[in-house]
Amino acid sequence: MDLQDQLKNLFPDHTPEPEESNESSNESIWLQDDPILCKYEKRKGKPITILEGYTGASEDFKKLAKDIKTTLSVGGSFKDDKIIIQGDFRDKIMTILKDKGFNVKRVGG
């Protein structure tokens, strides 16, 4: 007898709620027609990658920043409608954004 069957026997009136998946949260991000600009800069001698040009809600952009930072396992921040990622990860970030359906334009270098 499965655990689900035992729970159904104990609680016959309970109906389980469907679990949310991470894919549904990615689909809720608003996609835009204009490309997101991916820049490379050095600040205080250290390389950073800057993403800007998103025209949707700032909450969606924050969610996108968190997803990029956890995928690459790097630090970063969200300031003034820009995502700042520590290190030169332009190629990896561009592939992540293209997989999500964004248009990305590489600026400089």
PDB file of N, CA and C in Angstrom:
ATOM      1  N   MET A   1       0.840  -1.179   0.000  1.00  0.00           N
ATOM      2  CA  MET A   1       0.000   0.000   0.000  1.00  0.00           C
ATOM      3  C   MET A   1       0.890   1.249   0.000  1.00  0.00           C
ATOM      4  N   ASP A   2       0.605   2.162  -0.895  1.00  0.00           N
ATOM      5  CA  ASP A   2       1.364   3.392  -1.068  1.00  0.00           C
ATOM      6  C   ASP A   2       1.012   4.407   0.021  1.00  0.00           C
ATOM      7  N   LEU A   3       1.901   5.347   0.263  1.00  0.00           N
ATOM      8  CA  LEU A   3       1.661   6.380   1.261  1.00  0.00           C
ATOM      9  C   LEU A   3       0.450   7.235   0.883  1.00  0.00           C
ATOM     10  N   GLN A   4       0.303   7.515  -0.399  1.00  0.00           N
ATOM     11  CA  GLN A   4      -0.857   8.292  -0.847  1.00  0.00           C
ATOM     12  C   GLN A   4      -2.159   7.544  -0.556  1.00  0.00           C
ATOM     13  N   ASP A   5      -2.155   6.234  -0.753  1.00  0.00           N
ATOM     14  CA  ASP A   5      -3.350   5.439  -0.463  1.00  0.00           C
ATOM     15  C   ASP A   5      -3.667   5.439   1.027  1.00  0.00           C
ATOM     16  N   GLN A   6      -2.643   5.368   1.855  1.00  0.00           N
ATOM     17  CA  GLN A   6      -2.863   5.411   3.299  1.00  0.00           C
ATOM     18  C   GLN A   6      -3.433   6.748   3.734  1.00  0.00           C
ATOM     19  N   LEU A   7      -2.920   7.811   3.144  1.00  0.00           N
ATOM     20  CA  LEU A   7      -3.447   9.131   3.478  1.00  0.00           C
ATOM     21  C   LEU A   7      -4.891   9.290   3.021  1.00  0.00           C
ATOM     22  N   LYS A   8      -5.232   8.708   1.865  1.00  0.00           N
ATOM     23  CA  LYS A   8      -6.618   8.768   1.391  1.00  0.00           C
ATOM     24  C   LYS A   8      -7.546   8.000   2.317  1.00  0.00           C
ATOM     25  N   ASN A   9      -7.072   6.892   2.883  1.00  0.00           N
ATOM     26  CA  ASN A   9      -7.882   6.132   3.821  1.00  0.00           C
ATOM     27  C   ASN A   9      -8.087   6.895   5.126  1.00  0.00           C
ATOM     28  N   LEU A  10      -7.042   7.596   5.576  1.00  0.00           N
ATOM     29  CA  LEU A  10      -7.151   8.354   6.817  1.00  0.00           C
ATOM     30  C   LEU A  10      -7.990   9.622   6.659  1.00  0.00           C
ATOM     31  N   PHE A  11      -7.833  10.295   5.516  1.00  0.00           N
ATOM     32  CA  PHE A  11      -8.536  11.555   5.265  1.00  0.00           C
ATOM     33  C   PHE A  11      -9.291  11.456   3.940  1.00  0.00           C
ATOM     34  N   PRO A  12     -10.468  10.849   3.932  1.00  0.00           N
ATOM     35  CA  PRO A  12     -11.174  10.654   2.657  1.00  0.00           C
ATOM     36  C   PRO A  12     -11.698  11.953   2.045  1.00  0.00           C
ATOM     37  N   ASP A  13     -11.937  12.991   2.865  1.00  0.00           N
ATOM     38  CA  ASP A  13     -12.508  14.227   2.331  1.00  0.00           C
ATOM     39  C   ASP A  13     -11.451  15.179   1.778  1.00  0.00           C
ATOM     40  N   HIS A  14     -10.183  14.924   2.073  1.00  0.00           N
ATOM     41  CA  HIS A  14      -9.114  15.834   1.652  1.00  0.00           C
ATOM     42  C   HIS A  14      -8.781  15.621   0.178  1.00  0.00           C
ATOM     43  N   THR A  15      -8.661  16.757  -0.548  1.00  0.00           N
ATOM     44  CA  THR A  15      -8.201  16.684  -1.935  1.00  0.00           C
ATOM     45  C   THR A  15      -6.844  17.386  -2.012  1.00  0.00           C
ATOM     46  N   PRO A  16      -5.808  16.718  -2.482  1.00  0.00           N
ATOM     47  CA  PRO A  16      -4.472  17.331  -2.526  1.00  0.00           C
ATOM     48  C   PRO A  16      -4.419  18.475  -3.543  1.00  0.00           C
ATOM     49  N   GLU A  17      -3.675  19.537  -3.182  1.00  0.00           N
ATOM     50  CA  GLU A  17      -3.509  20.675  -4.071  1.00  0.00           C
ATOM     51  C   GLU A  17      -2.356  20.380  -5.029  1.00  0.00           C
ATOM     52  N   PRO A  18      -2.488  20.813  -6.282  1.00  0.00           N
ATOM     53  CA  PRO A  18      -1.378  20.570  -7.218  1.00  0.00           C
ATOM     54  C   PRO A  18      -0.168  21.406  -6.832  1.00  0.00           C
ATOM     55  N   GLU A  19       1.020  20.815  -6.999  1.00  0.00           N
ATOM     56  CA  GLU A  19       2.262  21.494  -6.650  1.00  0.00           C
ATOM     57  C   GLU A  19       2.668  22.417  -7.783  1.00  0.00           C
ATOM     58  N   GLU A  20       3.218  23.591  -7.418  1.00  0.00           N
ATOM     59  CA  GLU A  20       3.696  24.535  -8.421  1.00  0.00           C
ATOM     60  C   GLU A  20       5.103  24.144  -8.837  1.00  0.00           C
ATOM     61  N   SER A  21       5.389  24.300 -10.109  1.00  0.00           N
ATOM     62  CA  SER A  21       6.731  24.003 -10.597  1.00  0.00           C
ATOM     63  C   SER A  21       7.452  25.297 -10.909  1.00  0.00           C
ATOM     64  N   ASN A  22       8.777  25.234 -11.011  1.00  0.00           N
ATOM     65  CA  ASN A  22       9.582  26.418 -11.301  1.00  0.00           C
ATOM     66  C   ASN A  22       9.369  26.916 -12.725  1.00  0.00           C
ATOM     67  N   GLU A  23       8.944  26.041 -13.628  1.00  0.00           N
ATOM     68  CA  GLU A  23       8.739  26.439 -15.006  1.00  0.00           C
ATOM     69  C   GLU A  23       7.601  27.435 -15.136  1.00  0.00           C
ATOM     70  N   SER A  24       6.564  27.306 -14.293  1.00  0.00           N
ATOM     71  CA  SER A  24       5.449  28.236 -14.381  1.00  0.00           C
ATOM     72  C   SER A  24       5.863  29.632 -13.958  1.00  0.00           C
ATOM     73  N   SER A  25       6.816  29.757 -13.020  1.00  0.00           N
ATOM     74  CA  SER A  25       7.272  31.079 -12.603  1.00  0.00           C
ATOM     75  C   SER A  25       8.082  31.749 -13.713  1.00  0.00           C
ATOM     76  N   ASN A  26       8.818  30.974 -14.502  1.00  0.00           N
ATOM     77  CA  ASN A  26       9.589  31.547 -15.595  1.00  0.00           C
ATOM     78  C   ASN A  26       8.679  32.041 -16.713  1.00  0.00           C
ATOM     79  N   GLU A  27       7.535  31.382 -16.919  1.00  0.00           N
ATOM     80  CA  GLU A  27       6.632  31.778 -17.977  1.00  0.00           C
ATOM     81  C   GLU A  27       5.891  33.055 -17.630  1.00  0.00           C
ATOM     82  N   SER A  28       5.811  33.416 -16.343  1.00  0.00           N
ATOM     83  CA  SER A  28       5.069  34.597 -15.951  1.00  0.00           C
ATOM     84  C   SER A  28       5.855  35.878 -16.191  1.00  0.00           C
ATOM     85  N   ILE A  29       7.136  35.782 -16.535  1.00  0.00           N
ATOM     86  CA  ILE A  29       7.938  36.979 -16.801  1.00  0.00           C
ATOM     87  C   ILE A  29       7.527  37.553 -18.150  1.00  0.00           C
ATOM     88  N   TRP A  30       7.311  38.869 -18.165  1.00  0.00           N
ATOM     89  CA  TRP A  30       6.861  39.533 -19.381  1.00  0.00           C
ATOM     90  C   TRP A  30       7.995  39.652 -20.371  1.00  0.00           C
ATOM     91  N   LEU A  31       7.787  39.174 -21.587  1.00  0.00           N
ATOM     92  CA  LEU A  31       8.800  39.262 -22.634  1.00  0.00           C
ATOM     93  C   LEU A  31       8.575  40.533 -23.441  1.00  0.00           C
ATOM     94  N   GLN A  32       9.639  41.121 -23.946  1.00  0.00           N
ATOM     95  CA  GLN A  32       9.547  42.393 -24.646  1.00  0.00           C
ATOM     96  C   GLN A  32      10.098  42.268 -26.049  1.00  0.00           C
ATOM     97  N   ASP A  33       9.803  43.282 -26.872  1.00  0.00           N
ATOM     98  CA  ASP A  33      10.283  43.288 -28.248  1.00  0.00           C
ATOM     99  C   ASP A  33      11.696  43.853 -28.357  1.00  0.00           C
ATOM    100  N   ASP A  34      12.008  44.899 -27.577  1.00  0.00           N
ATOM    101  CA  ASP A  34      13.342  45.505 -27.614  1.00  0.00           C
ATOM    102  C   ASP A  34      14.342  44.583 -26.931  1.00  0.00           C
ATOM    103  N   PRO A  35      15.567  44.531 -27.442  1.00  0.00           N
ATOM    104  CA  PRO A  35      16.555  43.632 -26.824  1.00  0.00           C
ATOM    105  C   PRO A  35      17.070  44.162 -25.487  1.00  0.00           C
ATOM    106  N   ILE A  36      17.462  43.238 -24.618  1.00  0.00           N
ATOM    107  CA  ILE A  36      18.130  43.582 -23.372  1.00  0.00           C
ATOM    108  C   ILE A  36      19.608  43.761 -23.697  1.00  0.00           C
ATOM    109  N   LEU A  37      20.192  44.860 -23.217  1.00  0.00           N
ATOM    110  CA  LEU A  37      21.592  45.156 -23.502  1.00  0.00           C
ATOM    111  C   LEU A  37      22.485  44.487 -22.468  1.00  0.00           C
ATOM    112  N   CYS A  38      23.503  43.795 -22.940  1.00  0.00           N
ATOM    113  CA  CYS A  38      24.446  43.089 -22.076  1.00  0.00           C
ATOM    114  C   CYS A  38      25.812  43.744 -22.239  1.00  0.00           C
ATOM    115  N   LYS A  39      26.258  44.466 -21.189  1.00  0.00           N
ATOM    116  CA  LYS A  39      27.511  45.217 -21.245  1.00  0.00           C
ATOM    117  C   LYS A  39      28.559  44.597 -20.331  1.00  0.00           C
ATOM    118  N   TYR A  40      29.805  44.918 -20.647  1.00  0.00           N
ATOM    119  CA  TYR A  40      30.945  44.513 -19.818  1.00  0.00           C
ATOM    120  C   TYR A  40      31.677  45.764 -19.378  1.00  0.00           C
ATOM    121  N   GLU A  41      31.955  45.873 -18.080  1.00  0.00           N
ATOM    122  CA  GLU A  41      32.710  47.007 -17.555  1.00  0.00           C
ATOM    123  C   GLU A  41      33.680  46.513 -16.499  1.00  0.00           C
ATOM    124  N   LYS A  42      34.611  47.392 -16.153  1.00  0.00           N
ATOM    125  CA  LYS A  42      35.486  47.130 -15.017  1.00  0.00           C
ATOM    126  C   LYS A  42      35.281  48.258 -14.024  1.00  0.00           C
ATOM    127  N   ARG A  43      35.012  47.884 -12.793  1.00  0.00           N
ATOM    128  CA  ARG A  43      34.874  48.864 -11.724  1.00  0.00           C
ATOM    129  C   ARG A  43      35.867  48.498 -10.632  1.00  0.00           C
ATOM    130  N   LYS A  44      36.728  49.444 -10.301  1.00  0.00           N
ATOM    131  CA  LYS A  44      37.787  49.229  -9.312  1.00  0.00           C
ATOM    132  C   LYS A  44      38.659  48.034  -9.687  1.00  0.00           C
ATOM    133  N   GLY A  45      38.871  47.841 -10.989  1.00  0.00           N
ATOM    134  CA  GLY A  45      39.738  46.781 -11.469  1.00  0.00           C
ATOM    135  C   GLY A  45      39.095  45.414 -11.555  1.00  0.00           C
ATOM    136  N   LYS A  46      37.815  45.313 -11.188  1.00  0.00           N
ATOM    137  CA  LYS A  46      37.141  44.011 -11.211  1.00  0.00           C
ATOM    138  C   LYS A  46      36.085  43.999 -12.315  1.00  0.00           C
ATOM    139  N   PRO A  47      35.969  42.874 -13.044  1.00  0.00           N
ATOM    140  CA  PRO A  47      35.011  42.816 -14.146  1.00  0.00           C
ATOM    141  C   PRO A  47      33.578  42.623 -13.649  1.00  0.00           C
ATOM    142  N   ILE A  48      32.637  43.296 -14.318  1.00  0.00           N
ATOM    143  CA  ILE A  48      31.212  43.109 -14.036  1.00  0.00           C
ATOM    144  C   ILE A  48      30.453  43.050 -15.346  1.00  0.00           C
ATOM    145  N   THR A  49      29.297  42.421 -15.314  1.00  0.00           N
ATOM    146  CA  THR A  49      28.402  42.352 -16.451  1.00  0.00           C
ATOM    147  C   THR A  49      27.133  43.102 -16.076  1.00  0.00           C
ATOM    148  N   ILE A  50      26.681  43.995 -16.940  1.00  0.00           N
ATOM    149  CA  ILE A  50      25.505  44.814 -16.666  1.00  0.00           C
ATOM    150  C   ILE A  50      24.423  44.486 -17.688  1.00  0.00           C
ATOM    151  N   LEU A  51      23.210  44.231 -17.201  1.00  0.00           N
ATOM    152  CA  LEU A  51      22.051  44.002 -18.056  1.00  0.00           C
ATOM    153  C   LEU A  51      21.089  45.166 -17.858  1.00  0.00           C
ATOM    154  N   GLU A  52      20.665  45.789 -18.955  1.00  0.00           N
ATOM    155  CA  GLU A  52      19.723  46.901 -18.855  1.00  0.00           C
ATOM    156  C   GLU A  52      18.844  46.929 -20.096  1.00  0.00           C
ATOM    157  N   GLY A  53      17.779  47.716 -20.015  1.00  0.00           N
ATOM    158  CA  GLY A  53      16.881  47.859 -21.151  1.00  0.00           C
ATOM    159  C   GLY A  53      15.602  47.071 -21.019  1.00  0.00           C
ATOM    160  N   TYR A  54      15.294  46.536 -19.836  1.00  0.00           N
ATOM    161  CA  TYR A  54      14.053  45.793 -19.635  1.00  0.00           C
ATOM    162  C   TYR A  54      12.928  46.783 -19.388  1.00  0.00           C
ATOM    163  N   THR A  55      11.811  46.640 -20.091  1.00  0.00           N
ATOM    164  CA  THR A  55      10.717  47.602 -19.983  1.00  0.00           C
ATOM    165  C   THR A  55       9.529  47.079 -19.200  1.00  0.00           C
ATOM    166  N   GLY A  56       9.621  45.888 -18.647  1.00  0.00           N
ATOM    167  CA  GLY A  56       8.513  45.313 -17.886  1.00  0.00           C
ATOM    168  C   GLY A  56       8.527  45.765 -16.440  1.00  0.00           C
ATOM    169  N   ALA A  57       7.822  45.027 -15.591  1.00  0.00           N
ATOM    170  CA  ALA A  57       7.751  45.355 -14.169  1.00  0.00           C
ATOM    171  C   ALA A  57       9.090  45.076 -13.492  1.00  0.00           C
ATOM    172  N   SER A  58       9.410  45.891 -12.497  1.00  0.00           N
ATOM    173  CA  SER A  58      10.694  45.728 -11.816  1.00  0.00           C
ATOM    174  C   SER A  58      10.731  44.439 -11.000  1.00  0.00           C
ATOM    175  N   GLU A  59       9.557  43.950 -10.537  1.00  0.00           N
ATOM    176  CA  GLU A  59       9.525  42.683  -9.798  1.00  0.00           C
ATOM    177  C   GLU A  59       9.950  41.523 -10.692  1.00  0.00           C
ATOM    178  N   ASP A  60       9.529  41.568 -11.968  1.00  0.00           N
ATOM    179  CA  ASP A  60       9.937  40.519 -12.910  1.00  0.00           C
ATOM    180  C   ASP A  60      11.439  40.582 -13.170  1.00  0.00           C
ATOM    181  N   PHE A  61      11.974  41.792 -13.244  1.00  0.00           N
ATOM    182  CA  PHE A  61      13.407  41.946 -13.495  1.00  0.00           C
ATOM    183  C   PHE A  61      14.209  41.466 -12.287  1.00  0.00           C
ATOM    184  N   LYS A  62      13.695  41.704 -11.073  1.00  0.00           N
ATOM    185  CA  LYS A  62      14.351  41.209  -9.862  1.00  0.00           C
ATOM    186  C   LYS A  62      14.337  39.682  -9.838  1.00  0.00           C
ATOM    187  N   LYS A  63      13.204  39.103 -10.262  1.00  0.00           N
ATOM    188  CA  LYS A  63      13.090  37.649 -10.306  1.00  0.00           C
ATOM    189  C   LYS A  63      14.076  37.067 -11.318  1.00  0.00           C
ATOM    190  N   LEU A  64      14.227  37.752 -12.442  1.00  0.00           N
ATOM    191  CA  LEU A  64      15.183  37.330 -13.461  1.00  0.00           C
ATOM    192  C   LEU A  64      16.614  37.442 -12.943  1.00  0.00           C
ATOM    193  N   ALA A  65      16.904  38.511 -12.189  1.00  0.00           N
ATOM    194  CA  ALA A  65      18.247  38.689 -11.620  1.00  0.00           C
ATOM    195  C   ALA A  65      18.570  37.562 -10.647  1.00  0.00           C
ATOM    196  N   LYS A  66      17.616  37.205  -9.814  1.00  0.00           N
ATOM    197  CA  LYS A  66      17.846  36.127  -8.851  1.00  0.00           C
ATOM    198  C   LYS A  66      18.070  34.801  -9.571  1.00  0.00           C
ATOM    199  N   ASP A  67      17.309  34.567 -10.626  1.00  0.00           N
ATOM    200  CA  ASP A  67      17.465  33.325 -11.380  1.00  0.00           C
ATOM    201  C   ASP A  67      18.843  33.243 -12.036  1.00  0.00           C
ATOM    202  N   ILE A  68      19.312  34.346 -12.602  1.00  0.00           N
ATOM    203  CA  ILE A  68      20.636  34.357 -13.238  1.00  0.00           C
ATOM    204  C   ILE A  68      21.726  34.142 -12.201  1.00  0.00           C
ATOM    205  N   LYS A  69      21.611  34.811 -11.052  1.00  0.00           N
ATOM    206  CA  LYS A  69      22.638  34.688 -10.021  1.00  0.00           C
ATOM    207  C   LYS A  69      22.702  33.272  -9.461  1.00  0.00           C
ATOM    208  N   THR A  70      21.561  32.621  -9.264  1.00  0.00           N
ATOM    209  CA  THR A  70      21.585  31.257  -8.730  1.00  0.00           C
ATOM    210  C   THR A  70      22.056  30.262  -9.784  1.00  0.00           C
ATOM    211  N   THR A  71      21.726  30.500 -11.051  1.00  0.00           N
ATOM    212  CA  THR A  71      22.174  29.590 -12.103  1.00  0.00           C
ATOM    213  C   THR A  71      23.691  29.639 -12.262  1.00  0.00           C
ATOM    214  N   LEU A  72      24.257  30.836 -12.221  1.00  0.00           N
ATOM    215  CA  LEU A  72      25.701  30.985 -12.403  1.00  0.00           C
ATOM    216  C   LEU A  72      26.483  30.869 -11.103  1.00  0.00           C
ATOM    217  N   SER A  73      25.802  30.861  -9.967  1.00  0.00           N
ATOM    218  CA  SER A  73      26.437  30.807  -8.638  1.00  0.00           C
ATOM    219  C   SER A  73      27.417  31.963  -8.440  1.00  0.00           C
ATOM    220  N   VAL A  74      26.949  33.163  -8.738  1.00  0.00           N
ATOM    221  CA  VAL A  74      27.762  34.359  -8.569  1.00  0.00           C
ATOM    222  C   VAL A  74      26.972  35.397  -7.792  1.00  0.00           C
ATOM    223  N   GLY A  75      27.660  36.441  -7.372  1.00  0.00           N
ATOM    224  CA  GLY A  75      27.015  37.547  -6.683  1.00  0.00           C
ATOM    225  C   GLY A  75      26.577  38.599  -7.669  1.00  0.00           C
ATOM    226  N   GLY A  76      25.749  39.498  -7.174  1.00  0.00           N
ATOM    227  CA  GLY A  76      25.284  40.573  -8.020  1.00  0.00           C
ATOM    228  C   GLY A  76      24.240  41.394  -7.294  1.00  0.00           C
ATOM    229  N   SER A  77      23.691  42.384  -7.994  1.00  0.00           N
ATOM    230  CA  SER A  77      22.687  43.233  -7.387  1.00  0.00           C
ATOM    231  C   SER A  77      21.736  43.762  -8.447  1.00  0.00           C
ATOM    232  N   PHE A  78      20.676  44.397  -7.973  1.00  0.00           N
ATOM    233  CA  PHE A  78      19.683  45.018  -8.838  1.00  0.00           C
ATOM    234  C   PHE A  78      19.558  46.465  -8.402  1.00  0.00           C
ATOM    235  N   LYS A  79      20.028  47.402  -9.243  1.00  0.00           N
ATOM    236  CA  LYS A  79      19.978  48.827  -8.913  1.00  0.00           C
ATOM    237  C   LYS A  79      19.586  49.623 -10.143  1.00  0.00           C
ATOM    238  N   ASP A  80      18.727  50.608  -9.956  1.00  0.00           N
ATOM    239  CA  ASP A  80      18.352  51.560 -11.006  1.00  0.00           C
ATOM    240  C   ASP A  80      17.928  50.858 -12.299  1.00  0.00           C
ATOM    241  N   ASP A  81      17.084  49.843 -12.186  1.00  0.00           N
ATOM    242  CA  ASP A  81      16.604  49.057 -13.330  1.00  0.00           C
ATOM    243  C   ASP A  81      17.746  48.440 -14.131  1.00  0.00           C
ATOM    244  N   LYS A  82      18.811  48.049 -13.442  1.00  0.00           N
ATOM    245  CA  LYS A  82      19.943  47.356 -14.054  1.00  0.00           C
ATOM    246  C   LYS A  82      20.293  46.159 -13.186  1.00  0.00           C
ATOM    247  N   ILE A  83      20.672  45.061 -13.837  1.00  0.00           N
ATOM    248  CA  ILE A  83      21.193  43.901 -13.123  1.00  0.00           C
ATOM    249  C   ILE A  83      22.710  43.951 -13.240  1.00  0.00           C
ATOM    250  N   ILE A  84      23.399  43.906 -12.106  1.00  0.00           N
ATOM    251  CA  ILE A  84      24.853  43.934 -12.087  1.00  0.00           C
ATOM    252  C   ILE A  84      25.334  42.579 -11.578  1.00  0.00           C
ATOM    253  N   ILE A  85      26.052  41.842 -12.418  1.00  0.00           N
ATOM    254  CA  ILE A  85      26.565  40.518 -12.086  1.00  0.00           C
ATOM    255  C   ILE A  85      28.085  40.616 -11.949  1.00  0.00           C
ATOM    256  N   GLN A  86      28.619  40.035 -10.889  1.00  0.00           N
ATOM    257  CA  GLN A  86      30.064  40.066 -10.667  1.00  0.00           C
ATOM    258  C   GLN A  86      30.745  39.076 -11.599  1.00  0.00           C
ATOM    259  N   GLY A  87      31.679  39.560 -12.394  1.00  0.00           N
ATOM    260  CA  GLY A  87      32.429  38.711 -13.311  1.00  0.00           C
ATOM    261  C   GLY A  87      31.992  38.917 -14.744  1.00  0.00           C
ATOM    262  N   ASP A  88      32.777  38.380 -15.674  1.00  0.00           N
ATOM    263  CA  ASP A  88      32.483  38.479 -17.104  1.00  0.00           C
ATOM    264  C   ASP A  88      31.758  37.215 -17.541  1.00  0.00           C
ATOM    265  N   PHE A  89      30.440  37.250 -17.502  1.00  0.00           N
ATOM    266  CA  PHE A  89      29.613  36.095 -17.868  1.00  0.00           C
ATOM    267  C   PHE A  89      28.677  36.445 -19.019  1.00  0.00           C
ATOM    268  N   ARG A  90      29.123  37.293 -19.942  1.00  0.00           N
ATOM    269  CA  ARG A  90      28.247  37.751 -21.021  1.00  0.00           C
ATOM    270  C   ARG A  90      27.702  36.600 -21.857  1.00  0.00           C
ATOM    271  N   ASP A  91      28.573  35.675 -22.253  1.00  0.00           N
ATOM    272  CA  ASP A  91      28.127  34.586 -23.124  1.00  0.00           C
ATOM    273  C   ASP A  91      27.128  33.683 -22.419  1.00  0.00           C
ATOM    274  N   LYS A  92      27.399  33.331 -21.161  1.00  0.00           N
ATOM    275  CA  LYS A  92      26.497  32.454 -20.418  1.00  0.00           C
ATOM    276  C   LYS A  92      25.162  33.130 -20.143  1.00  0.00           C
ATOM    277  N   ILE A  93      25.204  34.414 -19.796  1.00  0.00           N
ATOM    278  CA  ILE A  93      23.962  35.146 -19.515  1.00  0.00           C
ATOM    279  C   ILE A  93      23.130  35.279 -20.784  1.00  0.00           C
ATOM    280  N   MET A  94      23.795  35.532 -21.898  1.00  0.00           N
ATOM    281  CA  MET A  94      23.059  35.660 -23.160  1.00  0.00           C
ATOM    282  C   MET A  94      22.375  34.356 -23.542  1.00  0.00           C
ATOM    283  N   THR A  95      23.025  33.211 -23.318  1.00  0.00           N
ATOM    284  CA  THR A  95      22.371  31.936 -23.630  1.00  0.00           C
ATOM    285  C   THR A  95      21.211  31.664 -22.679  1.00  0.00           C
ATOM    286  N   ILE A  96      21.355  32.037 -21.396  1.00  0.00           N
ATOM    287  CA  ILE A  96      20.260  31.853 -20.435  1.00  0.00           C
ATOM    288  C   ILE A  96      19.051  32.682 -20.848  1.00  0.00           C
ATOM    289  N   LEU A  97      19.281  33.943 -21.221  1.00  0.00           N
ATOM    290  CA  LEU A  97      18.179  34.823 -21.607  1.00  0.00           C
ATOM    291  C   LEU A  97      17.542  34.393 -22.921  1.00  0.00           C
ATOM    292  N   LYS A  98      18.357  33.899 -23.867  1.00  0.00           N
ATOM    293  CA  LYS A  98      17.794  33.420 -25.128  1.00  0.00           C
ATOM    294  C   LYS A  98      16.941  32.174 -24.908  1.00  0.00           C
ATOM    295  N   ASP A  99      17.338  31.309 -23.980  1.00  0.00           N
ATOM    296  CA  ASP A  99      16.530  30.133 -23.667  1.00  0.00           C
ATOM    297  C   ASP A  99      15.193  30.516 -23.053  1.00  0.00           C
ATOM    298  N   LYS A 100      15.166  31.637 -22.328  1.00  0.00           N
ATOM    299  CA  LYS A 100      13.925  32.109 -21.725  1.00  0.00           C
ATOM    300  C   LYS A 100      13.044  32.843 -22.728  1.00  0.00           C
ATOM    301  N   GLY A 101      13.591  33.185 -23.899  1.00  0.00           N
ATOM    302  CA  GLY A 101      12.800  33.833 -24.946  1.00  0.00           C
ATOM    303  C   GLY A 101      13.074  35.309 -25.120  1.00  0.00           C
ATOM    304  N   PHE A 102      14.082  35.848 -24.476  1.00  0.00           N
ATOM    305  CA  PHE A 102      14.409  37.264 -24.599  1.00  0.00           C
ATOM    306  C   PHE A 102      15.303  37.513 -25.809  1.00  0.00           C
ATOM    307  N   ASN A 103      15.207  38.722 -26.359  1.00  0.00           N
ATOM    308  CA  ASN A 103      16.165  39.183 -27.353  1.00  0.00           C
ATOM    309  C   ASN A 103      17.298  39.867 -26.593  1.00  0.00           C
ATOM    310  N   VAL A 104      18.531  39.494 -26.905  1.00  0.00           N
ATOM    311  CA  VAL A 104      19.673  40.025 -26.181  1.00  0.00           C
ATOM    312  C   VAL A 104      20.650  40.622 -27.197  1.00  0.00           C
ATOM    313  N   LYS A 105      21.195  41.795 -26.858  1.00  0.00           N
ATOM    314  CA  LYS A 105      22.173  42.446 -27.709  1.00  0.00           C
ATOM    315  C   LYS A 105      23.452  42.677 -26.911  1.00  0.00           C
ATOM    316  N   ARG A 106      24.562  42.247 -27.467  1.00  0.00           N
ATOM    317  CA  ARG A 106      25.855  42.413 -26.806  1.00  0.00           C
ATOM    318  C   ARG A 106      26.413  43.786 -27.162  1.00  0.00           C
ATOM    319  N   VAL A 107      26.794  44.556 -26.138  1.00  0.00           N
ATOM    320  CA  VAL A 107      27.293  45.907 -26.347  1.00  0.00           C
ATOM    321  C   VAL A 107      28.729  45.965 -25.883  1.00  0.00           C
ATOM    322  N   GLY A 108      29.626  46.437 -26.737  1.00  0.00           N
ATOM    323  CA  GLY A 108      31.032  46.578 -26.399  1.00  0.00           C
ATOM    324  C   GLY A 108      31.778  45.267 -26.442  1.00  0.00           C
ATOM    325  N   GLY A 109      33.002  45.305 -26.868  1.00  0.00           N
ATOM    326  CA  GLY A 109      33.895  44.148 -26.887  1.00  0.00           C
ATOM    327  C   GLY A 109      33.421  43.046 -27.715  1.00  0.00           C
TER     328      GLY A 109
END
